[in-house]
């Protein structure tokens, strides 16, 4: 649920950053709001800071860095999670002895 919400925030931010590229202060406000929203959703995550720096560089905001960072963090989180233990097969019923 939280990864879906974080990805939705990233998609909306990247979509809004294209027209906001012409106005740097609006772009910075959008990126600041995005990183705060992502921190609120996912907690403190270091990979968000390089994305914020990349978004602050003029011209790089056209690259969908928020989507890529959130997507890569979701994949990395899934890979770090230990596999679920196998479920035992169902027990066979005992034979009737009459």
PDB file of N, CA and C in Angstrom:
ATOM      1  N   UNK A   1       0.823  -1.186   0.000  1.00  0.00           N
ATOM      2  CA  UNK A   1       0.000   0.000   0.000  1.00  0.00           C
ATOM      3  C   UNK A   1       0.877   1.263   0.000  1.00  0.00           C
ATOM      4  N   UNK A   2       1.885   1.280   0.888  1.00  0.00           N
ATOM      5  CA  UNK A   2       2.706   2.491   0.972  1.00  0.00           C
ATOM      6  C   UNK A   2       3.571   2.666  -0.265  1.00  0.00           C
ATOM      7  N   UNK A   3       4.011   1.564  -0.884  1.00  0.00           N
ATOM      8  CA  UNK A   3       4.805   1.694  -2.102  1.00  0.00           C
ATOM      9  C   UNK A   3       3.952   2.227  -3.241  1.00  0.00           C
ATOM     10  N   UNK A   4       2.700   1.825  -3.307  1.00  0.00           N
ATOM     11  CA  UNK A   4       1.801   2.345  -4.336  1.00  0.00           C
ATOM     12  C   UNK A   4       1.549   3.822  -4.157  1.00  0.00           C
ATOM     13  N   UNK A   5       1.351   4.246  -2.920  1.00  0.00           N
ATOM     14  CA  UNK A   5       1.143   5.666  -2.635  1.00  0.00           C
ATOM     15  C   UNK A   5       2.403   6.468  -2.943  1.00  0.00           C
ATOM     16  N   UNK A   6       3.554   5.941  -2.571  1.00  0.00           N
ATOM     17  CA  UNK A   6       4.820   6.632  -2.861  1.00  0.00           C
ATOM     18  C   UNK A   6       5.050   6.740  -4.359  1.00  0.00           C
ATOM     19  N   UNK A   7       4.729   5.686  -5.101  1.00  0.00           N
ATOM     20  CA  UNK A   7       4.893   5.733  -6.551  1.00  0.00           C
ATOM     21  C   UNK A   7       3.916   6.718  -7.185  1.00  0.00           C
ATOM     22  N   UNK A   8       2.710   6.813  -6.645  1.00  0.00           N
ATOM     23  CA  UNK A   8       1.742   7.790  -7.159  1.00  0.00           C
ATOM     24  C   UNK A   8       2.243   9.219  -6.933  1.00  0.00           C
ATOM     25  N   UNK A   9       2.809   9.479  -5.756  1.00  0.00           N
ATOM     26  CA  UNK A   9       3.375  10.813  -5.476  1.00  0.00           C
ATOM     27  C   UNK A   9       4.515  11.107  -6.443  1.00  0.00           C
ATOM     28  N   UNK A  10       5.368  10.125  -6.693  1.00  0.00           N
ATOM     29  CA  UNK A  10       6.499  10.304  -7.603  1.00  0.00           C
ATOM     30  C   UNK A  10       6.034  10.565  -9.032  1.00  0.00           C
ATOM     31  N   UNK A  11       5.018   9.848  -9.473  1.00  0.00           N
ATOM     32  CA  UNK A  11       4.507  10.034 -10.832  1.00  0.00           C
ATOM     33  C   UNK A  11       3.909  11.419 -10.999  1.00  0.00           C
ATOM     34  N   UNK A  12       3.107  11.843 -10.026  1.00  0.00           N
ATOM     35  CA  UNK A  12       2.492  13.175 -10.106  1.00  0.00           C
ATOM     36  C   UNK A  12       3.563  14.256 -10.072  1.00  0.00           C
ATOM     37  N   UNK A  13       4.560  14.095  -9.222  1.00  0.00           N
ATOM     38  CA  UNK A  13       5.622  15.093  -9.133  1.00  0.00           C
ATOM     39  C   UNK A  13       6.414  15.183 -10.429  1.00  0.00           C
ATOM     40  N   UNK A  14       6.756  14.035 -10.996  1.00  0.00           N
ATOM     41  CA  UNK A  14       7.511  14.050 -12.256  1.00  0.00           C
ATOM     42  C   UNK A  14       6.676  14.632 -13.393  1.00  0.00           C
ATOM     43  N   UNK A  15       5.383  14.376 -13.386  1.00  0.00           N
ATOM     44  CA  UNK A  15       4.519  14.935 -14.425  1.00  0.00           C
ATOM     45  C   UNK A  15       4.388  16.450 -14.283  1.00  0.00           C
ATOM     46  N   UNK A  16       4.309  16.922 -13.044  1.00  0.00           N
ATOM     47  CA  UNK A  16       4.187  18.368 -12.826  1.00  0.00           C
ATOM     48  C   UNK A  16       5.504  19.104 -13.003  1.00  0.00           C
ATOM     49  N   UNK A  17       6.619  18.400 -12.908  1.00  0.00           N
ATOM     50  CA  UNK A  17       7.912  19.074 -13.007  1.00  0.00           C
ATOM     51  C   UNK A  17       8.238  19.506 -14.432  1.00  0.00           C
ATOM     52  N   UNK A  18       7.627  18.881 -15.424  1.00  0.00           N
ATOM     53  CA  UNK A  18       7.904  19.263 -16.810  1.00  0.00           C
ATOM     54  C   UNK A  18       7.438  20.693 -17.086  1.00  0.00           C
ATOM     55  N   UNK A  19       6.171  21.061 -16.799  1.00  0.00           N
ATOM     56  CA  UNK A  19       5.787  22.454 -17.036  1.00  0.00           C
ATOM     57  C   UNK A  19       6.403  23.433 -16.028  1.00  0.00           C
ATOM     58  N   UNK A  20       6.744  22.938 -14.839  1.00  0.00           N
ATOM     59  CA  UNK A  20       7.311  23.823 -13.819  1.00  0.00           C
ATOM     60  C   UNK A  20       8.787  24.097 -14.043  1.00  0.00           C
ATOM     61  N   UNK A  21       9.401  23.443 -15.020  1.00  0.00           N
ATOM     62  CA  UNK A  21      10.831  23.618 -15.295  1.00  0.00           C
ATOM     63  C   UNK A  21      11.159  25.064 -15.651  1.00  0.00           C
ATOM     64  N   UNK A  22      10.213  25.767 -16.222  1.00  0.00           N
ATOM     65  CA  UNK A  22      10.462  27.157 -16.627  1.00  0.00           C
ATOM     66  C   UNK A  22      10.503  28.111 -15.433  1.00  0.00           C
ATOM     67  N   UNK A  23       9.943  27.686 -14.303  1.00  0.00           N
ATOM     68  CA  UNK A  23       9.907  28.532 -13.101  1.00  0.00           C
ATOM     69  C   UNK A  23      10.671  27.821 -11.981  1.00  0.00           C
ATOM     70  N   UNK A  24      11.941  28.165 -11.785  1.00  0.00           N
ATOM     71  CA  UNK A  24      12.778  27.426 -10.823  1.00  0.00           C
ATOM     72  C   UNK A  24      12.217  27.394  -9.400  1.00  0.00           C
ATOM     73  N   UNK A  25      11.643  28.499  -8.925  1.00  0.00           N
ATOM     74  CA  UNK A  25      11.158  28.493  -7.545  1.00  0.00           C
ATOM     75  C   UNK A  25       9.963  27.560  -7.381  1.00  0.00           C
ATOM     76  N   UNK A  26       9.122  27.479  -8.397  1.00  0.00           N
ATOM     77  CA  UNK A  26       8.006  26.544  -8.355  1.00  0.00           C
ATOM     78  C   UNK A  26       8.520  25.105  -8.403  1.00  0.00           C
ATOM     79  N   UNK A  27       9.528  24.884  -9.205  1.00  0.00           N
ATOM     80  CA  UNK A  27      10.136  23.553  -9.297  1.00  0.00           C
ATOM     81  C   UNK A  27      10.760  23.138  -7.964  1.00  0.00           C
ATOM     82  N   UNK A  28      11.456  24.045  -7.321  1.00  0.00           N
ATOM     83  CA  UNK A  28      12.074  23.729  -6.018  1.00  0.00           C
ATOM     84  C   UNK A  28      11.007  23.461  -4.956  1.00  0.00           C
ATOM     85  N   UNK A  29       9.933  24.236  -4.983  1.00  0.00           N
ATOM     86  CA  UNK A  29       8.842  24.009  -4.025  1.00  0.00           C
ATOM     87  C   UNK A  29       8.199  22.642  -4.263  1.00  0.00           C
ATOM     88  N   UNK A  30       8.000  22.297  -5.531  1.00  0.00           N
ATOM     89  CA  UNK A  30       7.425  20.996  -5.869  1.00  0.00           C
ATOM     90  C   UNK A  30       8.336  19.864  -5.405  1.00  0.00           C
ATOM     91  N   UNK A  31       9.635  19.991  -5.626  1.00  0.00           N
ATOM     92  CA  UNK A  31      10.571  18.949  -5.204  1.00  0.00           C
ATOM     93  C   UNK A  31      10.659  18.855  -3.683  1.00  0.00           C
ATOM     94  N   UNK A  32      10.622  19.996  -3.018  1.00  0.00           N
ATOM     95  CA  UNK A  32      10.632  19.972  -1.553  1.00  0.00           C
ATOM     96  C   UNK A  32       9.387  19.302  -0.992  1.00  0.00           C
ATOM     97  N   UNK A  33       8.238  19.615  -1.576  1.00  0.00           N
ATOM     98  CA  UNK A  33       6.993  18.973  -1.138  1.00  0.00           C
ATOM     99  C   UNK A  33       7.020  17.476  -1.445  1.00  0.00           C
ATOM    100  N   UNK A  34       7.594  17.118  -2.575  1.00  0.00           N
ATOM    101  CA  UNK A  34       7.677  15.699  -2.942  1.00  0.00           C
ATOM    102  C   UNK A  34       8.540  14.924  -1.964  1.00  0.00           C
ATOM    103  N   UNK A  35       9.714  15.437  -1.654  1.00  0.00           N
ATOM    104  CA  UNK A  35      10.601  14.699  -0.749  1.00  0.00           C
ATOM    105  C   UNK A  35       9.994  14.633   0.652  1.00  0.00           C
ATOM    106  N   UNK A  36       9.313  15.678   1.096  1.00  0.00           N
ATOM    107  CA  UNK A  36       8.655  15.629   2.408  1.00  0.00           C
ATOM    108  C   UNK A  36       7.521  14.609   2.407  1.00  0.00           C
ATOM    109  N   UNK A  37       6.751  14.569   1.323  1.00  0.00           N
ATOM    110  CA  UNK A  37       5.667  13.592   1.235  1.00  0.00           C
ATOM    111  C   UNK A  37       6.224  12.163   1.218  1.00  0.00           C
ATOM    112  N   UNK A  38       7.303  11.949   0.483  1.00  0.00           N
ATOM    113  CA  UNK A  38       7.897  10.611   0.429  1.00  0.00           C
ATOM    114  C   UNK A  38       8.504  10.215   1.764  1.00  0.00           C
ATOM    115  N   UNK A  39       9.108  11.168   2.468  1.00  0.00           N
ATOM    116  CA  UNK A  39       9.616  10.868   3.815  1.00  0.00           C
ATOM    117  C   UNK A  39       8.457  10.517   4.745  1.00  0.00           C
ATOM    118  N   UNK A  40       7.327  11.217   4.619  1.00  0.00           N
ATOM    119  CA  UNK A  40       6.172  10.935   5.468  1.00  0.00           C
ATOM    120  C   UNK A  40       5.595   9.551   5.169  1.00  0.00           C
ATOM    121  N   UNK A  41       5.614   9.156   3.916  1.00  0.00           N
ATOM    122  CA  UNK A  41       5.049   7.866   3.527  1.00  0.00           C
ATOM    123  C   UNK A  41       5.982   6.716   3.877  1.00  0.00           C
ATOM    124  N   UNK A  42       7.272   6.864   3.562  1.00  0.00           N
ATOM    125  CA  UNK A  42       8.205   5.741   3.682  1.00  0.00           C
ATOM    126  C   UNK A  42       9.193   5.859   4.830  1.00  0.00           C
ATOM    127  N   UNK A  43       9.233   6.975   5.489  1.00  0.00           N
ATOM    128  CA  UNK A  43      10.244   7.163   6.520  1.00  0.00           C
ATOM    129  C   UNK A  43      11.531   7.670   5.899  1.00  0.00           C
ATOM    130  N   UNK A  44      12.539   7.870   6.724  1.00  0.00           N
ATOM    131  CA  UNK A  44      13.818   8.402   6.251  1.00  0.00           C
ATOM    132  C   UNK A  44      14.502   7.364   5.382  1.00  0.00           C
ATOM    133  N   UNK A  45      14.765   7.721   4.141  1.00  0.00           N
ATOM    134  CA  UNK A  45      15.465   6.848   3.202  1.00  0.00           C
ATOM    135  C   UNK A  45      16.545   7.649   2.512  1.00  0.00           C
ATOM    136  N   UNK A  46      17.787   7.194   2.604  1.00  0.00           N
ATOM    137  CA  UNK A  46      18.915   7.905   2.004  1.00  0.00           C
ATOM    138  C   UNK A  46      18.826   8.048   0.488  1.00  0.00           C
ATOM    139  N   UNK A  47      18.318   7.072  -0.257  1.00  0.00           N
ATOM    140  CA  UNK A  47      18.286   7.232  -1.720  1.00  0.00           C
ATOM    141  C   UNK A  47      17.430   8.409  -2.198  1.00  0.00           C
ATOM    142  N   UNK A  48      16.584   8.949  -1.346  1.00  0.00           N
ATOM    143  CA  UNK A  48      15.761  10.090  -1.763  1.00  0.00           C
ATOM    144  C   UNK A  48      16.592  11.366  -1.894  1.00  0.00           C
ATOM    145  N   UNK A  49      17.670  11.465  -1.144  1.00  0.00           N
ATOM    146  CA  UNK A  49      18.473  12.692  -1.185  1.00  0.00           C
ATOM    147  C   UNK A  49      19.202  12.890  -2.518  1.00  0.00           C
ATOM    148  N   UNK A  50      19.816  11.862  -3.108  1.00  0.00           N
ATOM    149  CA  UNK A  50      20.406  12.081  -4.436  1.00  0.00           C
ATOM    150  C   UNK A  50      19.358  12.452  -5.489  1.00  0.00           C
ATOM    151  N   UNK A  51      18.153  11.921  -5.358  1.00  0.00           N
ATOM    152  CA  UNK A  51      17.089  12.299  -6.303  1.00  0.00           C
ATOM    153  C   UNK A  51      16.730  13.766  -6.130  1.00  0.00           C
ATOM    154  N   UNK A  52      16.704  14.239  -4.892  1.00  0.00           N
ATOM    155  CA  UNK A  52      16.424  15.648  -4.643  1.00  0.00           C
ATOM    156  C   UNK A  52      17.511  16.525  -5.242  1.00  0.00           C
ATOM    157  N   UNK A  53      18.761  16.119  -5.116  1.00  0.00           N
ATOM    158  CA  UNK A  53      19.873  16.879  -5.699  1.00  0.00           C
ATOM    159  C   UNK A  53      19.774  16.871  -7.221  1.00  0.00           C
ATOM    160  N   UNK A  54      19.452  15.707  -7.801  1.00  0.00           N
ATOM    161  CA  UNK A  54      19.316  15.631  -9.256  1.00  0.00           C
ATOM    162  C   UNK A  54      18.178  16.511  -9.751  1.00  0.00           C
ATOM    163  N   UNK A  55      17.105  16.575  -9.000  1.00  0.00           N
ATOM    164  CA  UNK A  55      15.973  17.417  -9.399  1.00  0.00           C
ATOM    165  C   UNK A  55      16.315  18.899  -9.288  1.00  0.00           C
ATOM    166  N   UNK A  56      17.259  19.262  -8.451  1.00  0.00           N
ATOM    167  CA  UNK A  56      17.627  20.667  -8.289  1.00  0.00           C
ATOM    168  C   UNK A  56      18.506  21.177  -9.424  1.00  0.00           C
ATOM    169  N   UNK A  57      19.089  20.283 -10.208  1.00  0.00           N
ATOM    170  CA  UNK A  57      19.950  20.682 -11.323  1.00  0.00           C
ATOM    171  C   UNK A  57      19.068  21.034 -12.516  1.00  0.00           C
ATOM    172  N   UNK A  58      19.194  22.243 -13.042  1.00  0.00           N
ATOM    173  CA  UNK A  58      18.343  22.636 -14.172  1.00  0.00           C
ATOM    174  C   UNK A  58      18.519  21.687 -15.369  1.00  0.00           C
ATOM    175  N   UNK A  59      17.416  21.320 -15.949  1.00  0.00           N
ATOM    176  CA  UNK A  59      17.432  20.426 -17.094  1.00  0.00           C
ATOM    177  C   UNK A  59      17.271  18.962 -16.728  1.00  0.00           C
ATOM    178  N   UNK A  60      17.777  18.554 -15.565  1.00  0.00           N
ATOM    179  CA  UNK A  60      17.626  17.161 -15.149  1.00  0.00           C
ATOM    180  C   UNK A  60      16.240  16.867 -14.604  1.00  0.00           C
ATOM    181  N   UNK A  61      15.467  17.901 -14.330  1.00  0.00           N
ATOM    182  CA  UNK A  61      14.120  17.693 -13.819  1.00  0.00           C
ATOM    183  C   UNK A  61      13.225  17.054 -14.878  1.00  0.00           C
ATOM    184  N   UNK A  62      13.614  17.121 -16.130  1.00  0.00           N
ATOM    185  CA  UNK A  62      12.834  16.478 -17.182  1.00  0.00           C
ATOM    186  C   UNK A  62      12.979  14.961 -17.136  1.00  0.00           C
ATOM    187  N   UNK A  63      14.016  14.468 -16.482  1.00  0.00           N
ATOM    188  CA  UNK A  63      14.237  13.037 -16.305  1.00  0.00           C
ATOM    189  C   UNK A  63      13.377  12.555 -15.139  1.00  0.00           C
ATOM    190  N   UNK A  64      12.646  11.457 -15.260  1.00  0.00           N
ATOM    191  CA  UNK A  64      11.738  11.020 -14.179  1.00  0.00           C
ATOM    192  C   UNK A  64      12.484  10.388 -12.997  1.00  0.00           C
ATOM    193  N   UNK A  65      13.275  11.176 -12.316  1.00  0.00           N
ATOM    194  CA  UNK A  65      14.119  10.617 -11.254  1.00  0.00           C
ATOM    195  C   UNK A  65      13.315  10.152 -10.041  1.00  0.00           C
ATOM    196  N   UNK A  66      12.224  10.831  -9.693  1.00  0.00           N
ATOM    197  CA  UNK A  66      11.437  10.394  -8.536  1.00  0.00           C
ATOM    198  C   UNK A  66      10.858   9.006  -8.778  1.00  0.00           C
ATOM    199  N   UNK A  67      10.322   8.782  -9.974  1.00  0.00           N
ATOM    200  CA  UNK A  67       9.754   7.465 -10.278  1.00  0.00           C
ATOM    201  C   UNK A  67      10.827   6.385 -10.244  1.00  0.00           C
ATOM    202  N   UNK A  68      11.987   6.681 -10.803  1.00  0.00           N
ATOM    203  CA  UNK A  68      13.058   5.686 -10.826  1.00  0.00           C
ATOM    204  C   UNK A  68      13.571   5.368  -9.426  1.00  0.00           C
ATOM    205  N   UNK A  69      13.709   6.379  -8.585  1.00  0.00           N
ATOM    206  CA  UNK A  69      14.216   6.142  -7.232  1.00  0.00           C
ATOM    207  C   UNK A  69      13.212   5.347  -6.406  1.00  0.00           C
ATOM    208  N   UNK A  70      11.943   5.735  -6.456  1.00  0.00           N
ATOM    209  CA  UNK A  70      10.929   5.012  -5.677  1.00  0.00           C
ATOM    210  C   UNK A  70      10.783   3.582  -6.207  1.00  0.00           C
ATOM    211  N   UNK A  71      10.790   3.413  -7.527  1.00  0.00           N
ATOM    212  CA  UNK A  71      10.702   2.069  -8.088  1.00  0.00           C
ATOM    213  C   UNK A  71      11.881   1.194  -7.711  1.00  0.00           C
ATOM    214  N   UNK A  72      13.086   1.745  -7.753  1.00  0.00           N
ATOM    215  CA  UNK A  72      14.266   0.950  -7.387  1.00  0.00           C
ATOM    216  C   UNK A  72      14.280   0.633  -5.896  1.00  0.00           C
ATOM    217  N   UNK A  73      13.787   1.550  -5.072  1.00  0.00           N
ATOM    218  CA  UNK A  73      13.708   1.271  -3.637  1.00  0.00           C
ATOM    219  C   UNK A  73      12.686   0.167  -3.358  1.00  0.00           C
ATOM    220  N   UNK A  74      11.597   0.153  -4.094  1.00  0.00           N
ATOM    221  CA  UNK A  74      10.583  -0.899  -3.916  1.00  0.00           C
ATOM    222  C   UNK A  74      11.148  -2.260  -4.303  1.00  0.00           C
ATOM    223  N   UNK A  75      11.882  -2.318  -5.406  1.00  0.00           N
ATOM    224  CA  UNK A  75      12.488  -3.580  -5.835  1.00  0.00           C
ATOM    225  C   UNK A  75      13.542  -4.034  -4.832  1.00  0.00           C
ATOM    226  N   UNK A  76      14.371  -3.107  -4.363  1.00  0.00           N
ATOM    227  CA  UNK A  76      15.405  -3.463  -3.385  1.00  0.00           C
ATOM    228  C   UNK A  76      14.788  -3.948  -2.078  1.00  0.00           C
ATOM    229  N   UNK A  77      13.691  -3.321  -1.666  1.00  0.00           N
ATOM    230  CA  UNK A  77      13.019  -3.744  -0.440  1.00  0.00           C
ATOM    231  C   UNK A  77      12.459  -5.147  -0.592  1.00  0.00           C
ATOM    232  N   UNK A  78      11.923  -5.441  -1.759  1.00  0.00           N
ATOM    233  CA  UNK A  78      11.376  -6.777  -2.001  1.00  0.00           C
ATOM    234  C   UNK A  78      12.486  -7.828  -2.029  1.00  0.00           C
ATOM    235  N   UNK A  79      13.653  -7.474  -2.588  1.00  0.00           N
ATOM    236  CA  UNK A  79      14.757  -8.424  -2.647  1.00  0.00           C
ATOM    237  C   UNK A  79      15.378  -8.675  -1.279  1.00  0.00           C
ATOM    238  N   UNK A  80      15.345  -7.673  -0.396  1.00  0.00           N
ATOM    239  CA  UNK A  80      15.927  -7.838   0.941  1.00  0.00           C
ATOM    240  C   UNK A  80      15.032  -8.666   1.856  1.00  0.00           C
ATOM    241  N   UNK A  81      13.748  -8.696   1.569  1.00  0.00           N
ATOM    242  CA  UNK A  81      12.801  -9.400   2.428  1.00  0.00           C
ATOM    243  C   UNK A  81      13.093 -10.896   2.375  1.00  0.00           C
ATOM    244  N   UNK A  82      13.156 -11.571   3.532  1.00  0.00           N
ATOM    245  CA  UNK A  82      13.418 -13.006   3.508  1.00  0.00           C
ATOM    246  C   UNK A  82      12.224 -13.740   2.899  1.00  0.00           C
ATOM    247  N   UNK A  83      12.508 -14.850   2.228  1.00  0.00           N
ATOM    248  CA  UNK A  83      11.392 -15.598   1.637  1.00  0.00           C
ATOM    249  C   UNK A  83      10.502 -16.195   2.717  1.00  0.00           C
ATOM    250  N   UNK A  84       9.253 -16.344   2.387  1.00  0.00           N
ATOM    251  CA  UNK A  84       8.302 -16.925   3.340  1.00  0.00           C
ATOM    252  C   UNK A  84       8.643 -18.397   3.548  1.00  0.00           C
ATOM    253  N   UNK A  85       8.491 -18.880   4.778  1.00  0.00           N
ATOM    254  CA  UNK A  85       8.788 -20.296   5.013  1.00  0.00           C
ATOM    255  C   UNK A  85       7.766 -21.154   4.256  1.00  0.00           C
ATOM    256  N   UNK A  86       8.217 -22.299   3.788  1.00  0.00           N
ATOM    257  CA  UNK A  86       7.274 -23.156   3.053  1.00  0.00           C
ATOM    258  C   UNK A  86       6.182 -23.675   3.971  1.00  0.00           C
ATOM    259  N   UNK A  87       5.009 -23.790   3.433  1.00  0.00           N
ATOM    260  CA  UNK A  87       3.904 -24.320   4.234  1.00  0.00           C
ATOM    261  C   UNK A  87       3.952 -25.840   4.169  1.00  0.00           C
ATOM    262  N   UNK A  88       3.724 -26.485   5.295  1.00  0.00           N
ATOM    263  CA  UNK A  88       3.757 -27.955   5.286  1.00  0.00           C
ATOM    264  C   UNK A  88       2.557 -28.490   4.510  1.00  0.00           C
ATOM    265  N   UNK A  89       2.712 -29.660   3.926  1.00  0.00           N
ATOM    266  CA  UNK A  89       1.572 -30.236   3.211  1.00  0.00           C
ATOM    267  C   UNK A  89       0.461 -30.591   4.195  1.00  0.00           C
ATOM    268  N   UNK A  90      -0.766 -30.617   3.731  1.00  0.00           N
ATOM    269  CA  UNK A  90      -1.853 -30.950   4.658  1.00  0.00           C
ATOM    270  C   UNK A  90      -1.717 -32.389   5.157  1.00  0.00           C
ATOM    271  N   UNK A  91      -2.116 -32.589   6.387  1.00  0.00           N
ATOM    272  CA  UNK A  91      -2.033 -33.921   6.996  1.00  0.00           C
ATOM    273  C   UNK A  91      -3.074 -34.846   6.361  1.00  0.00           C
ATOM    274  N   UNK A  92      -2.661 -36.077   6.136  1.00  0.00           N
ATOM    275  CA  UNK A  92      -3.591 -37.057   5.585  1.00  0.00           C
ATOM    276  C   UNK A  92      -4.473 -37.583   6.701  1.00  0.00           C
ATOM    277  N   UNK A  93      -5.734 -37.829   6.394  1.00  0.00           N
ATOM    278  CA  UNK A  93      -6.607 -38.372   7.460  1.00  0.00           C
ATOM    279  C   UNK A  93      -6.166 -39.779   7.848  1.00  0.00           C
ATOM    280  N   UNK A  94      -6.346 -40.101   9.096  1.00  0.00           N
ATOM    281  CA  UNK A  94      -5.983 -41.434   9.596  1.00  0.00           C
ATOM    282  C   UNK A  94      -6.967 -42.464   9.037  1.00  0.00           C
ATOM    283  N   UNK A  95      -6.466 -43.651   8.672  1.00  0.00           N
ATOM    284  CA  UNK A  95      -7.372 -44.679   8.140  1.00  0.00           C
ATOM    285  C   UNK A  95      -8.301 -45.174   9.242  1.00  0.00           C
ATOM    286  N   UNK A  96      -9.515 -45.494   8.840  1.00  0.00           N
ATOM    287  CA  UNK A  96     -10.494 -46.045   9.804  1.00  0.00           C
ATOM    288  C   UNK A  96     -10.162 -47.503  10.093  1.00  0.00           C
ATOM    289  N   UNK A  97     -10.108 -47.829  11.363  1.00  0.00           N
ATOM    290  CA  UNK A  97      -9.826 -49.230  11.773  1.00  0.00           C
ATOM    291  C   UNK A  97     -11.018 -49.720  12.583  1.00  0.00           C
ATOM    292  N   UNK A  98     -11.796 -50.492  11.966  1.00  0.00           N
ATOM    293  CA  UNK A  98     -12.952 -51.036  12.683  1.00  0.00           C
ATOM    294  C   UNK A  98     -12.914 -52.516  12.741  1.00  0.00           C
TER     295      UNK A  98
END
